[in-house]
Amino acid sequence: MIDRGLTLPALRHQLVTAVLTLAAPGLQDADFDPAPHLATLLTDACDATAPVPWLGHTLRTPEEAALTADLGTALRTHLTALPPDPTPTDHLHAPTWPPITTTAAHLARLLLHNDHQARTP
């Protein structure tokens, strides 16, 4: 893949870090707070509910945007199922959490693959 360069590489780093963290159940213990990772995916580095405008900024390919949209759908479903002012435990014990982890794992694989394959002209 020829990479013309991302306009927001630091935000790409935050996006990849957030997705990897959500994809790793082993990191999600009693001290795990998903809120900053969700903020990264929903506002800071990408709008997972509408990721296409982020192509060329923090997302490299349409496939990344499609998987990010899938994660956004899972996040939206999850957030509507939570009580007001949810605790980290509310997030992790919700029946809507496992689809987030699974979708994030698929996206993480693609993000890392594309980062390793990117070549600048």
PDB file of N, CA and C in Angstrom:
ATOM      1  N   MET A   1       0.851  -1.173   0.000  1.00  0.00           N
ATOM      2  CA  MET A   1       0.000   0.000   0.000  1.00  0.00           C
ATOM      3  C   MET A   1       0.895   1.233   0.000  1.00  0.00           C
ATOM      4  N   ILE A   2       0.618   2.138  -0.904  1.00  0.00           N
ATOM      5  CA  ILE A   2       1.324   3.424  -0.914  1.00  0.00           C
ATOM      6  C   ILE A   2       0.600   4.341   0.062  1.00  0.00           C
ATOM      7  N   ASP A   3       1.331   4.843   1.004  1.00  0.00           N
ATOM      8  CA  ASP A   3       0.750   5.703   2.024  1.00  0.00           C
ATOM      9  C   ASP A   3       1.111   7.147   1.714  1.00  0.00           C
ATOM     10  N   ARG A   4       0.120   7.955   1.460  1.00  0.00           N
ATOM     11  CA  ARG A   4       0.352   9.366   1.167  1.00  0.00           C
ATOM     12  C   ARG A   4       0.587  10.171   2.451  1.00  0.00           C
ATOM     13  N   GLY A   5       0.520   9.490   3.574  1.00  0.00           N
ATOM     14  CA  GLY A   5       0.758  10.155   4.847  1.00  0.00           C
ATOM     15  C   GLY A   5      -0.540  10.557   5.515  1.00  0.00           C
ATOM     16  N   LEU A   6      -0.645  10.247   6.761  1.00  0.00           N
ATOM     17  CA  LEU A   6      -1.794  10.660   7.557  1.00  0.00           C
ATOM     18  C   LEU A   6      -1.582  12.087   8.028  1.00  0.00           C
ATOM     19  N   THR A   7      -2.634  12.878   8.008  1.00  0.00           N
ATOM     20  CA  THR A   7      -2.492  14.263   8.438  1.00  0.00           C
ATOM     21  C   THR A   7      -2.437  14.396   9.954  1.00  0.00           C
ATOM     22  N   LEU A   8      -2.903  13.370  10.664  1.00  0.00           N
ATOM     23  CA  LEU A   8      -2.910  13.422  12.127  1.00  0.00           C
ATOM     24  C   LEU A   8      -2.265  12.165  12.717  1.00  0.00           C
ATOM     25  N   PRO A   9      -0.960  11.978  12.519  1.00  0.00           N
ATOM     26  CA  PRO A   9      -0.328  10.738  12.977  1.00  0.00           C
ATOM     27  C   PRO A   9      -0.364  10.542  14.490  1.00  0.00           C
ATOM     28  N   ALA A  10      -0.301  11.600  15.263  1.00  0.00           N
ATOM     29  CA  ALA A  10      -0.355  11.456  16.726  1.00  0.00           C
ATOM     30  C   ALA A  10      -1.728  10.941  17.153  1.00  0.00           C
ATOM     31  N   LEU A  11      -2.760  11.406  16.474  1.00  0.00           N
ATOM     32  CA  LEU A  11      -4.099  10.905  16.789  1.00  0.00           C
ATOM     33  C   LEU A  11      -4.269   9.459  16.320  1.00  0.00           C
ATOM     34  N   ARG A  12      -3.582   9.094  15.228  1.00  0.00           N
ATOM     35  CA  ARG A  12      -3.598   7.694  14.772  1.00  0.00           C
ATOM     36  C   ARG A  12      -3.025   6.828  15.881  1.00  0.00           C
ATOM     37  N   HIS A  13      -1.949   7.276  16.488  1.00  0.00           N
ATOM     38  CA  HIS A  13      -1.342   6.527  17.593  1.00  0.00           C
ATOM     39  C   HIS A  13      -2.335   6.355  18.736  1.00  0.00           C
ATOM     40  N   GLN A  14      -3.051   7.402  19.093  1.00  0.00           N
ATOM     41  CA  GLN A  14      -4.059   7.309  20.155  1.00  0.00           C
ATOM     42  C   GLN A  14      -5.177   6.345  19.761  1.00  0.00           C
ATOM     43  N   LEU A  15      -5.601   6.407  18.509  1.00  0.00           N
ATOM     44  CA  LEU A  15      -6.653   5.525  18.019  1.00  0.00           C
ATOM     45  C   LEU A  15      -6.219   4.069  18.110  1.00  0.00           C
ATOM     46  N   VAL A  16      -5.032   3.762  17.620  1.00  0.00           N
ATOM     47  CA  VAL A  16      -4.531   2.384  17.658  1.00  0.00           C
ATOM     48  C   VAL A  16      -4.404   1.907  19.101  1.00  0.00           C
ATOM     49  N   THR A  17      -3.891   2.751  19.970  1.00  0.00           N
ATOM     50  CA  THR A  17      -3.747   2.388  21.384  1.00  0.00           C
ATOM     51  C   THR A  17      -5.107   2.083  22.014  1.00  0.00           C
ATOM     52  N   ALA A  18      -6.102   2.918  21.742  1.00  0.00           N
ATOM     53  CA  ALA A  18      -7.444   2.699  22.300  1.00  0.00           C
ATOM     54  C   ALA A  18      -8.041   1.395  21.786  1.00  0.00           C
ATOM     55  N   VAL A  19      -7.902   1.141  20.501  1.00  0.00           N
ATOM     56  CA  VAL A  19      -8.470  -0.081  19.926  1.00  0.00           C
ATOM     57  C   VAL A  19      -7.756  -1.310  20.483  1.00  0.00           C
ATOM     58  N   LEU A  20      -6.441  -1.272  20.562  1.00  0.00           N
ATOM     59  CA  LEU A  20      -5.698  -2.402  21.134  1.00  0.00           C
ATOM     60  C   LEU A  20      -6.101  -2.670  22.579  1.00  0.00           C
ATOM     61  N   THR A  21      -6.290  -1.624  23.335  1.00  0.00           N
ATOM     62  CA  THR A  21      -6.683  -1.789  24.738  1.00  0.00           C
ATOM     63  C   THR A  21      -8.072  -2.410  24.846  1.00  0.00           C
ATOM     64  N   LEU A  22      -9.001  -1.965  24.018  1.00  0.00           N
ATOM     65  CA  LEU A  22     -10.352  -2.538  24.050  1.00  0.00           C
ATOM     66  C   LEU A  22     -10.356  -3.980  23.551  1.00  0.00           C
ATOM     67  N   ALA A  23      -9.380  -4.340  22.723  1.00  0.00           N
ATOM     68  CA  ALA A  23      -9.310  -5.684  22.167  1.00  0.00           C
ATOM     69  C   ALA A  23      -8.628  -6.677  23.107  1.00  0.00           C
ATOM     70  N   ALA A  24      -8.078  -6.199  24.209  1.00  0.00           N
ATOM     71  CA  ALA A  24      -7.283  -7.050  25.099  1.00  0.00           C
ATOM     72  C   ALA A  24      -7.999  -7.274  26.428  1.00  0.00           C
ATOM     73  N   PRO A  25      -8.811  -8.319  26.522  1.00  0.00           N
ATOM     74  CA  PRO A  25      -9.533  -8.560  27.779  1.00  0.00           C
ATOM     75  C   PRO A  25      -8.617  -8.714  28.985  1.00  0.00           C
ATOM     76  N   GLY A  26      -7.390  -9.177  28.770  1.00  0.00           N
ATOM     77  CA  GLY A  26      -6.453  -9.338  29.881  1.00  0.00           C
ATOM     78  C   GLY A  26      -6.107  -8.032  30.566  1.00  0.00           C
ATOM     79  N   LEU A  27      -6.219  -6.915  29.852  1.00  0.00           N
ATOM     80  CA  LEU A  27      -5.936  -5.602  30.438  1.00  0.00           C
ATOM     81  C   LEU A  27      -7.134  -5.029  31.186  1.00  0.00           C
ATOM     82  N   GLN A  28      -8.278  -5.667  31.034  1.00  0.00           N
ATOM     83  CA  GLN A  28      -9.523  -5.117  31.564  1.00  0.00           C
ATOM     84  C   GLN A  28      -9.836  -5.728  32.933  1.00  0.00           C
ATOM     85  N   ASP A  29      -9.103  -5.266  33.924  1.00  0.00           N
ATOM     86  CA  ASP A  29      -9.286  -5.758  35.278  1.00  0.00           C
ATOM     87  C   ASP A  29     -10.082  -4.748  36.099  1.00  0.00           C
ATOM     88  N   ALA A  30     -10.070  -4.898  37.407  1.00  0.00           N
ATOM     89  CA  ALA A  30     -10.864  -4.038  38.291  1.00  0.00           C
ATOM     90  C   ALA A  30     -10.451  -2.571  38.197  1.00  0.00           C
ATOM     91  N   ASP A  31      -9.225  -2.302  37.803  1.00  0.00           N
ATOM     92  CA  ASP A  31      -8.745  -0.922  37.705  1.00  0.00           C
ATOM     93  C   ASP A  31      -8.925  -0.323  36.314  1.00  0.00           C
ATOM     94  N   PHE A  32      -9.450  -1.089  35.393  1.00  0.00           N
ATOM     95  CA  PHE A  32      -9.603  -0.641  34.014  1.00  0.00           C
ATOM     96  C   PHE A  32     -10.780   0.328  33.893  1.00  0.00           C
ATOM     97  N   ASP A  33     -10.509   1.484  33.315  1.00  0.00           N
ATOM     98  CA  ASP A  33     -11.565   2.463  33.055  1.00  0.00           C
ATOM     99  C   ASP A  33     -11.663   2.664  31.544  1.00  0.00           C
ATOM    100  N   PRO A  34     -12.751   2.213  30.924  1.00  0.00           N
ATOM    101  CA  PRO A  34     -12.869   2.335  29.475  1.00  0.00           C
ATOM    102  C   PRO A  34     -13.172   3.755  28.987  1.00  0.00           C
ATOM    103  N   ALA A  35     -13.545   4.651  29.875  1.00  0.00           N
ATOM    104  CA  ALA A  35     -13.993   5.988  29.465  1.00  0.00           C
ATOM    105  C   ALA A  35     -12.997   6.722  28.567  1.00  0.00           C
ATOM    106  N   PRO A  36     -11.699   6.786  28.903  1.00  0.00           N
ATOM    107  CA  PRO A  36     -10.793   7.523  28.010  1.00  0.00           C
ATOM    108  C   PRO A  36     -10.655   6.863  26.636  1.00  0.00           C
ATOM    109  N   HIS A  37     -10.742   5.561  26.577  1.00  0.00           N
ATOM    110  CA  HIS A  37     -10.639   4.855  25.296  1.00  0.00           C
ATOM    111  C   HIS A  37     -11.885   5.101  24.442  1.00  0.00           C
ATOM    112  N   LEU A  38     -13.025   5.134  25.115  1.00  0.00           N
ATOM    113  CA  LEU A  38     -14.265   5.431  24.390  1.00  0.00           C
ATOM    114  C   LEU A  38     -14.248   6.868  23.884  1.00  0.00           C
ATOM    115  N   ALA A  39     -13.724   7.781  24.687  1.00  0.00           N
ATOM    116  CA  ALA A  39     -13.632   9.182  24.250  1.00  0.00           C
ATOM    117  C   ALA A  39     -12.727   9.310  23.029  1.00  0.00           C
ATOM    118  N   THR A  40     -11.627   8.567  23.022  1.00  0.00           N
ATOM    119  CA  THR A  40     -10.726   8.593  21.867  1.00  0.00           C
ATOM    120  C   THR A  40     -11.456   8.129  20.614  1.00  0.00           C
ATOM    121  N   LEU A  41     -12.235   7.076  20.744  1.00  0.00           N
ATOM    122  CA  LEU A  41     -12.923   6.510  19.576  1.00  0.00           C
ATOM    123  C   LEU A  41     -14.137   7.317  19.141  1.00  0.00           C
ATOM    124  N   LEU A  42     -14.728   8.035  20.045  1.00  0.00           N
ATOM    125  CA  LEU A  42     -15.969   8.741  19.713  1.00  0.00           C
ATOM    126  C   LEU A  42     -15.775  10.231  19.472  1.00  0.00           C
ATOM    127  N   THR A  43     -14.669  10.799  19.949  1.00  0.00           N
ATOM    128  CA  THR A  43     -14.511  12.245  19.775  1.00  0.00           C
ATOM    129  C   THR A  43     -13.096  12.675  19.426  1.00  0.00           C
ATOM    130  N   ASP A  44     -12.104  12.173  20.111  1.00  0.00           N
ATOM    131  CA  ASP A  44     -10.748  12.716  20.014  1.00  0.00           C
ATOM    132  C   ASP A  44     -10.039  12.383  18.700  1.00  0.00           C
ATOM    133  N   ALA A  45      -9.912  11.102  18.387  1.00  0.00           N
ATOM    134  CA  ALA A  45      -9.102  10.679  17.249  1.00  0.00           C
ATOM    135  C   ALA A  45      -9.921  10.180  16.067  1.00  0.00           C
ATOM    136  N   CYS A  46     -11.206  10.049  16.284  1.00  0.00           N
ATOM    137  CA  CYS A  46     -12.058   9.512  15.232  1.00  0.00           C
ATOM    138  C   CYS A  46     -13.495   9.511  15.749  1.00  0.00           C
ATOM    139  N   ASP A  47     -14.436   9.690  14.863  1.00  0.00           N
ATOM    140  CA  ASP A  47     -15.831   9.516  15.249  1.00  0.00           C
ATOM    141  C   ASP A  47     -16.243   8.142  14.759  1.00  0.00           C
ATOM    142  N   ALA A  48     -16.189   7.152  15.644  1.00  0.00           N
ATOM    143  CA  ALA A  48     -16.478   5.777  15.251  1.00  0.00           C
ATOM    144  C   ALA A  48     -17.904   5.609  14.738  1.00  0.00           C
ATOM    145  N   THR A  49     -18.775   6.536  15.061  1.00  0.00           N
ATOM    146  CA  THR A  49     -20.144   6.429  14.548  1.00  0.00           C
ATOM    147  C   THR A  49     -20.249   6.941  13.114  1.00  0.00           C
ATOM    148  N   ALA A  50     -19.273   7.719  12.657  1.00  0.00           N
ATOM    149  CA  ALA A  50     -19.232   8.236  11.280  1.00  0.00           C
ATOM    150  C   ALA A  50     -17.766   8.417  10.878  1.00  0.00           C
ATOM    151  N   PRO A  51     -17.048   7.321  10.618  1.00  0.00           N
ATOM    152  CA  PRO A  51     -15.602   7.407  10.443  1.00  0.00           C
ATOM    153  C   PRO A  51     -15.097   7.829   9.062  1.00  0.00           C
ATOM    154  N   VAL A  52     -15.929   7.816   8.044  1.00  0.00           N
ATOM    155  CA  VAL A  52     -15.449   8.095   6.686  1.00  0.00           C
ATOM    156  C   VAL A  52     -14.706   9.430   6.576  1.00  0.00           C
ATOM    157  N   PRO A  53     -15.172  10.518   7.188  1.00  0.00           N
ATOM    158  CA  PRO A  53     -14.413  11.772   7.076  1.00  0.00           C
ATOM    159  C   PRO A  53     -13.000  11.702   7.659  1.00  0.00           C
ATOM    160  N   TRP A  54     -12.707  10.682   8.429  1.00  0.00           N
ATOM    161  CA  TRP A  54     -11.388  10.551   9.043  1.00  0.00           C
ATOM    162  C   TRP A  54     -10.389   9.838   8.133  1.00  0.00           C
ATOM    163  N   LEU A  55     -10.843   9.371   6.959  1.00  0.00           N
ATOM    164  CA  LEU A  55      -9.915   8.758   6.000  1.00  0.00           C
ATOM    165  C   LEU A  55      -8.842   9.776   5.615  1.00  0.00           C
ATOM    166  N   GLY A  56      -7.598   9.331   5.686  1.00  0.00           N
ATOM    167  CA  GLY A  56      -6.480  10.225   5.379  1.00  0.00           C
ATOM    168  C   GLY A  56      -6.023  11.047   6.565  1.00  0.00           C
ATOM    169  N   HIS A  57      -6.795  11.030   7.622  1.00  0.00           N
ATOM    170  CA  HIS A  57      -6.429  11.772   8.835  1.00  0.00           C
ATOM    171  C   HIS A  57      -5.917  10.802   9.903  1.00  0.00           C
ATOM    172  N   THR A  58      -6.803   9.900  10.361  1.00  0.00           N
ATOM    173  CA  THR A  58      -6.389   8.872  11.320  1.00  0.00           C
ATOM    174  C   THR A  58      -6.681   7.473  10.806  1.00  0.00           C
ATOM    175  N   LEU A  59      -7.436   7.363   9.745  1.00  0.00           N
ATOM    176  CA  LEU A  59      -7.733   6.071   9.127  1.00  0.00           C
ATOM    177  C   LEU A  59      -7.081   6.019   7.752  1.00  0.00           C
ATOM    178  N   ARG A  60      -6.531   4.868   7.406  1.00  0.00           N
ATOM    179  CA  ARG A  60      -5.802   4.730   6.145  1.00  0.00           C
ATOM    180  C   ARG A  60      -6.677   4.260   4.983  1.00  0.00           C
ATOM    181  N   THR A  61      -7.619   3.350   5.237  1.00  0.00           N
ATOM    182  CA  THR A  61      -8.335   2.701   4.137  1.00  0.00           C
ATOM    183  C   THR A  61      -9.842   2.684   4.394  1.00  0.00           C
ATOM    184  N   PRO A  62     -10.619   2.504   3.338  1.00  0.00           N
ATOM    185  CA  PRO A  62     -12.069   2.339   3.517  1.00  0.00           C
ATOM    186  C   PRO A  62     -12.410   1.126   4.386  1.00  0.00           C
ATOM    187  N   GLU A  63     -11.591   0.081   4.315  1.00  0.00           N
ATOM    188  CA  GLU A  63     -11.837  -1.091   5.160  1.00  0.00           C
ATOM    189  C   GLU A  63     -11.671  -0.731   6.640  1.00  0.00           C
ATOM    190  N   GLU A  64     -10.671   0.085   6.960  1.00  0.00           N
ATOM    191  CA  GLU A  64     -10.524   0.558   8.341  1.00  0.00           C
ATOM    192  C   GLU A  64     -11.749   1.353   8.759  1.00  0.00           C
ATOM    193  N   ALA A  65     -12.244   2.201   7.865  1.00  0.00           N
ATOM    194  CA  ALA A  65     -13.433   2.996   8.182  1.00  0.00           C
ATOM    195  C   ALA A  65     -14.639   2.086   8.407  1.00  0.00           C
ATOM    196  N   ALA A  66     -14.777   1.040   7.603  1.00  0.00           N
ATOM    197  CA  ALA A  66     -15.917   0.121   7.752  1.00  0.00           C
ATOM    198  C   ALA A  66     -15.855  -0.615   9.093  1.00  0.00           C
ATOM    199  N   LEU A  67     -14.673  -1.110   9.451  1.00  0.00           N
ATOM    200  CA  LEU A  67     -14.552  -1.798  10.740  1.00  0.00           C
ATOM    201  C   LEU A  67     -14.694  -0.827  11.909  1.00  0.00           C
ATOM    202  N   THR A  68     -14.238   0.390  11.727  1.00  0.00           N
ATOM    203  CA  THR A  68     -14.428   1.409  12.765  1.00  0.00           C
ATOM    204  C   THR A  68     -15.916   1.699  12.935  1.00  0.00           C
ATOM    205  N   ALA A  69     -16.651   1.739  11.845  1.00  0.00           N
ATOM    206  CA  ALA A  69     -18.106   1.936  11.926  1.00  0.00           C
ATOM    207  C   ALA A  69     -18.764   0.771  12.658  1.00  0.00           C
ATOM    208  N   ASP A  70     -18.288  -0.453  12.404  1.00  0.00           N
ATOM    209  CA  ASP A  70     -18.817  -1.611  13.141  1.00  0.00           C
ATOM    210  C   ASP A  70     -18.557  -1.459  14.637  1.00  0.00           C
ATOM    211  N   LEU A  71     -17.362  -0.996  14.977  1.00  0.00           N
ATOM    212  CA  LEU A  71     -17.052  -0.758  16.393  1.00  0.00           C
ATOM    213  C   LEU A  71     -17.928   0.356  16.939  1.00  0.00           C
ATOM    214  N   GLY A  72     -18.149   1.398  16.149  1.00  0.00           N
ATOM    215  CA  GLY A  72     -19.033   2.486  16.571  1.00  0.00           C
ATOM    216  C   GLY A  72     -20.440   1.995  16.859  1.00  0.00           C
ATOM    217  N   THR A  73     -20.947   1.082  16.033  1.00  0.00           N
ATOM    218  CA  THR A  73     -22.275   0.503  16.263  1.00  0.00           C
ATOM    219  C   THR A  73     -22.291  -0.267  17.576  1.00  0.00           C
ATOM    220  N   ALA A  74     -21.257  -1.072  17.809  1.00  0.00           N
ATOM    221  CA  ALA A  74     -21.174  -1.823  19.064  1.00  0.00           C
ATOM    222  C   ALA A  74     -21.087  -0.878  20.265  1.00  0.00           C
ATOM    223  N   LEU A  75     -20.323   0.197  20.122  1.00  0.00           N
ATOM    224  CA  LEU A  75     -20.205   1.175  21.212  1.00  0.00           C
ATOM    225  C   LEU A  75     -21.533   1.875  21.491  1.00  0.00           C
ATOM    226  N   ARG A  76     -22.222   2.262  20.428  1.00  0.00           N
ATOM    227  CA  ARG A  76     -23.533   2.919  20.599  1.00  0.00           C
ATOM    228  C   ARG A  76     -24.513   2.003  21.320  1.00  0.00           C
ATOM    229  N   THR A  77     -24.554   0.748  20.895  1.00  0.00           N
ATOM    230  CA  THR A  77     -25.436  -0.239  21.537  1.00  0.00           C
ATOM    231  C   THR A  77     -25.074  -0.384  23.005  1.00  0.00           C
ATOM    232  N   HIS A  78     -23.806  -0.460  23.267  1.00  0.00           N
ATOM    233  CA  HIS A  78     -23.314  -0.615  24.640  1.00  0.00           C
ATOM    234  C   HIS A  78     -23.678   0.594  25.507  1.00  0.00           C
ATOM    235  N   LEU A  79     -23.421   1.773  24.999  1.00  0.00           N
ATOM    236  CA  LEU A  79     -23.666   2.984  25.791  1.00  0.00           C
ATOM    237  C   LEU A  79     -25.143   3.188  26.096  1.00  0.00           C
ATOM    238  N   THR A  80     -26.016   2.790  25.198  1.00  0.00           N
ATOM    239  CA  THR A  80     -27.458   2.940  25.472  1.00  0.00           C
ATOM    240  C   THR A  80     -27.952   1.906  26.474  1.00  0.00           C
ATOM    241  N   ALA A  81     -27.202   0.812  26.649  1.00  0.00           N
ATOM    242  CA  ALA A  81     -27.616  -0.233  27.584  1.00  0.00           C
ATOM    243  C   ALA A  81     -27.131   0.013  29.015  1.00  0.00           C
ATOM    244  N   LEU A  82     -26.267   1.000  29.192  1.00  0.00           N
ATOM    245  CA  LEU A  82     -25.690   1.261  30.512  1.00  0.00           C
ATOM    246  C   LEU A  82     -26.600   2.147  31.358  1.00  0.00           C
ATOM    247  N   PRO A  83     -26.451   2.036  32.686  1.00  0.00           N
ATOM    248  CA  PRO A  83     -27.178   2.962  33.561  1.00  0.00           C
ATOM    249  C   PRO A  83     -26.569   4.359  33.470  1.00  0.00           C
ATOM    250  N   PRO A  84     -27.292   5.370  33.949  1.00  0.00           N
ATOM    251  CA  PRO A  84     -26.689   6.716  33.998  1.00  0.00           C
ATOM    252  C   PRO A  84     -25.430   6.686  34.880  1.00  0.00           C
ATOM    253  N   ASP A  85     -24.433   7.459  34.513  1.00  0.00           N
ATOM    254  CA  ASP A  85     -23.156   7.519  35.246  1.00  0.00           C
ATOM    255  C   ASP A  85     -22.578   6.128  35.516  1.00  0.00           C
ATOM    256  N   PRO A  86     -22.279   5.373  34.474  1.00  0.00           N
ATOM    257  CA  PRO A  86     -21.788   4.004  34.673  1.00  0.00           C
ATOM    258  C   PRO A  86     -20.388   3.974  35.268  1.00  0.00           C
ATOM    259  N   THR A  87     -20.154   2.961  36.058  1.00  0.00           N
ATOM    260  CA  THR A  87     -18.832   2.718  36.618  1.00  0.00           C
ATOM    261  C   THR A  87     -18.059   1.819  35.648  1.00  0.00           C
ATOM    262  N   PRO A  88     -16.753   1.719  35.818  1.00  0.00           N
ATOM    263  CA  PRO A  88     -16.006   0.780  34.974  1.00  0.00           C
ATOM    264  C   PRO A  88     -16.556  -0.649  35.062  1.00  0.00           C
ATOM    265  N   THR A  89     -16.978  -1.046  36.236  1.00  0.00           N
ATOM    266  CA  THR A  89     -17.552  -2.388  36.396  1.00  0.00           C
ATOM    267  C   THR A  89     -18.838  -2.531  35.593  1.00  0.00           C
ATOM    268  N   ASP A  90     -19.653  -1.480  35.537  1.00  0.00           N
ATOM    269  CA  ASP A  90     -20.869  -1.524  34.723  1.00  0.00           C
ATOM    270  C   ASP A  90     -20.525  -1.809  33.260  1.00  0.00           C
ATOM    271  N   HIS A  91     -19.478  -1.165  32.788  1.00  0.00           N
ATOM    272  CA  HIS A  91     -19.056  -1.394  31.405  1.00  0.00           C
ATOM    273  C   HIS A  91     -18.653  -2.852  31.196  1.00  0.00           C
ATOM    274  N   LEU A  92     -17.745  -3.325  32.037  1.00  0.00           N
ATOM    275  CA  LEU A  92     -17.141  -4.641  31.823  1.00  0.00           C
ATOM    276  C   LEU A  92     -18.103  -5.790  32.044  1.00  0.00           C
ATOM    277  N   HIS A  93     -19.124  -5.596  32.860  1.00  0.00           N
ATOM    278  CA  HIS A  93     -20.071  -6.677  33.142  1.00  0.00           C
ATOM    279  C   HIS A  93     -21.326  -6.615  32.287  1.00  0.00           C
ATOM    280  N   ALA A  94     -21.426  -5.608  31.458  1.00  0.00           N
ATOM    281  CA  ALA A  94     -22.605  -5.490  30.592  1.00  0.00           C
ATOM    282  C   ALA A  94     -22.555  -6.567  29.509  1.00  0.00           C
ATOM    283  N   PRO A  95     -23.699  -7.122  29.157  1.00  0.00           N
ATOM    284  CA  PRO A  95     -23.715  -8.133  28.085  1.00  0.00           C
ATOM    285  C   PRO A  95     -23.320  -7.553  26.724  1.00  0.00           C
ATOM    286  N   THR A  96     -23.289  -6.241  26.607  1.00  0.00           N
ATOM    287  CA  THR A  96     -22.906  -5.593  25.356  1.00  0.00           C
ATOM    288  C   THR A  96     -21.397  -5.364  25.254  1.00  0.00           C
ATOM    289  N   TRP A  97     -20.622  -5.709  26.285  1.00  0.00           N
ATOM    290  CA  TRP A  97     -19.177  -5.490  26.251  1.00  0.00           C
ATOM    291  C   TRP A  97     -18.426  -6.493  25.372  1.00  0.00           C
ATOM    292  N   PRO A  98     -18.717  -7.800  25.422  1.00  0.00           N
ATOM    293  CA  PRO A  98     -17.965  -8.747  24.582  1.00  0.00           C
ATOM    294  C   PRO A  98     -17.969  -8.416  23.079  1.00  0.00           C
ATOM    295  N   PRO A  99     -19.080  -7.948  22.495  1.00  0.00           N
ATOM    296  CA  PRO A  99     -18.993  -7.571  21.074  1.00  0.00           C
ATOM    297  C   PRO A  99     -18.024  -6.411  20.813  1.00  0.00           C
ATOM    298  N   ILE A 100     -17.840  -5.541  21.789  1.00  0.00           N
ATOM    299  CA  ILE A 100     -16.868  -4.447  21.635  1.00  0.00           C
ATOM    300  C   ILE A 100     -15.460  -5.031  21.568  1.00  0.00           C
ATOM    301  N   THR A 101     -15.157  -5.949  22.467  1.00  0.00           N
ATOM    302  CA  THR A 101     -13.834  -6.567  22.493  1.00  0.00           C
ATOM    303  C   THR A 101     -13.558  -7.324  21.190  1.00  0.00           C
ATOM    304  N   THR A 102     -14.545  -8.069  20.716  1.00  0.00           N
ATOM    305  CA  THR A 102     -14.372  -8.846  19.483  1.00  0.00           C
ATOM    306  C   THR A 102     -14.191  -7.934  18.272  1.00  0.00           C
ATOM    307  N   THR A 103     -15.031  -6.915  18.158  1.00  0.00           N
ATOM    308  CA  THR A 103     -14.938  -5.990  17.025  1.00  0.00           C
ATOM    309  C   THR A 103     -13.630  -5.212  17.081  1.00  0.00           C
ATOM    310  N   ALA A 104     -13.231  -4.800  18.278  1.00  0.00           N
ATOM    311  CA  ALA A 104     -11.960  -4.082  18.428  1.00  0.00           C
ATOM    312  C   ALA A 104     -10.782  -4.969  18.022  1.00  0.00           C
ATOM    313  N   ALA A 105     -10.859  -6.264  18.291  1.00  0.00           N
ATOM    314  CA  ALA A 105      -9.771  -7.174  17.908  1.00  0.00           C
ATOM    315  C   ALA A 105      -9.637  -7.245  16.391  1.00  0.00           C
ATOM    316  N   HIS A 106     -10.751  -7.312  15.678  1.00  0.00           N
ATOM    317  CA  HIS A 106     -10.702  -7.336  14.212  1.00  0.00           C
ATOM    318  C   HIS A 106     -10.108  -6.027  13.675  1.00  0.00           C
ATOM    319  N   LEU A 107     -10.556  -4.927  14.235  1.00  0.00           N
ATOM    320  CA  LEU A 107     -10.046  -3.626  13.797  1.00  0.00           C
ATOM    321  C   LEU A 107      -8.568  -3.477  14.138  1.00  0.00           C
ATOM    322  N   ALA A 108      -8.165  -3.903  15.321  1.00  0.00           N
ATOM    323  CA  ALA A 108      -6.761  -3.792  15.735  1.00  0.00           C
ATOM    324  C   ALA A 108      -5.858  -4.548  14.768  1.00  0.00           C
ATOM    325  N   ARG A 109      -6.271  -5.731  14.380  1.00  0.00           N
ATOM    326  CA  ARG A 109      -5.476  -6.515  13.433  1.00  0.00           C
ATOM    327  C   ARG A 109      -5.279  -5.742  12.124  1.00  0.00           C
ATOM    328  N   LEU A 110      -6.351  -5.162  11.615  1.00  0.00           N
ATOM    329  CA  LEU A 110      -6.258  -4.423  10.360  1.00  0.00           C
ATOM    330  C   LEU A 110      -5.413  -3.155  10.500  1.00  0.00           C
ATOM    331  N   LEU A 111      -5.615  -2.410  11.576  1.00  0.00           N
ATOM    332  CA  LEU A 111      -4.841  -1.184  11.788  1.00  0.00           C
ATOM    333  C   LEU A 111      -3.345  -1.486  11.821  1.00  0.00           C
ATOM    334  N   LEU A 112      -2.971  -2.508  12.576  1.00  0.00           N
ATOM    335  CA  LEU A 112      -1.553  -2.854  12.692  1.00  0.00           C
ATOM    336  C   LEU A 112      -1.005  -3.380  11.370  1.00  0.00           C
ATOM    337  N   HIS A 113      -1.782  -4.203  10.691  1.00  0.00           N
ATOM    338  CA  HIS A 113      -1.350  -4.706   9.396  1.00  0.00           C
ATOM    339  C   HIS A 113      -1.094  -3.545   8.437  1.00  0.00           C
ATOM    340  N   ASN A 114      -2.043  -2.622   8.362  1.00  0.00           N
ATOM    341  CA  ASN A 114      -1.885  -1.482   7.454  1.00  0.00           C
ATOM    342  C   ASN A 114      -0.724  -0.588   7.847  1.00  0.00           C
ATOM    343  N   ASP A 115      -0.507  -0.414   9.135  1.00  0.00           N
ATOM    344  CA  ASP A 115       0.643   0.390   9.565  1.00  0.00           C
ATOM    345  C   ASP A 115       1.954  -0.271   9.151  1.00  0.00           C
ATOM    346  N   HIS A 116       2.020  -1.586   9.229  1.00  0.00           N
ATOM    347  CA  HIS A 116       3.249  -2.306   8.859  1.00  0.00           C
ATOM    348  C   HIS A 116       3.450  -2.322   7.345  1.00  0.00           C
ATOM    349  N   GLN A 117       2.364  -2.268   6.588  1.00  0.00           N
ATOM    350  CA  GLN A 117       2.442  -2.327   5.131  1.00  0.00           C
ATOM    351  C   GLN A 117       2.627  -0.956   4.481  1.00  0.00           C
ATOM    352  N   ALA A 118       2.393   0.099   5.213  1.00  0.00           N
ATOM    353  CA  ALA A 118       2.424   1.457   4.633  1.00  0.00           C
ATOM    354  C   ALA A 118       3.842   1.792   4.170  1.00  0.00           C
ATOM    355  N   ARG A 119       3.917   2.295   2.954  1.00  0.00           N
ATOM    356  CA  ARG A 119       5.177   2.767   2.395  1.00  0.00           C
ATOM    357  C   ARG A 119       4.925   4.182   1.891  1.00  0.00           C
ATOM    358  N   THR A 120       5.824   5.053   2.171  1.00  0.00           N
ATOM    359  CA  THR A 120       5.674   6.417   1.655  1.00  0.00           C
ATOM    360  C   THR A 120       6.311   6.486   0.276  1.00  0.00           C
ATOM    361  N   PRO A 121       5.742   7.324  -0.612  1.00  0.00           N
ATOM    362  CA  PRO A 121       6.293   7.407  -1.972  1.00  0.00           C
ATOM    363  C   PRO A 121       7.661   8.049  -2.007  1.00  0.00           C
TER     364      PRO A 121
END
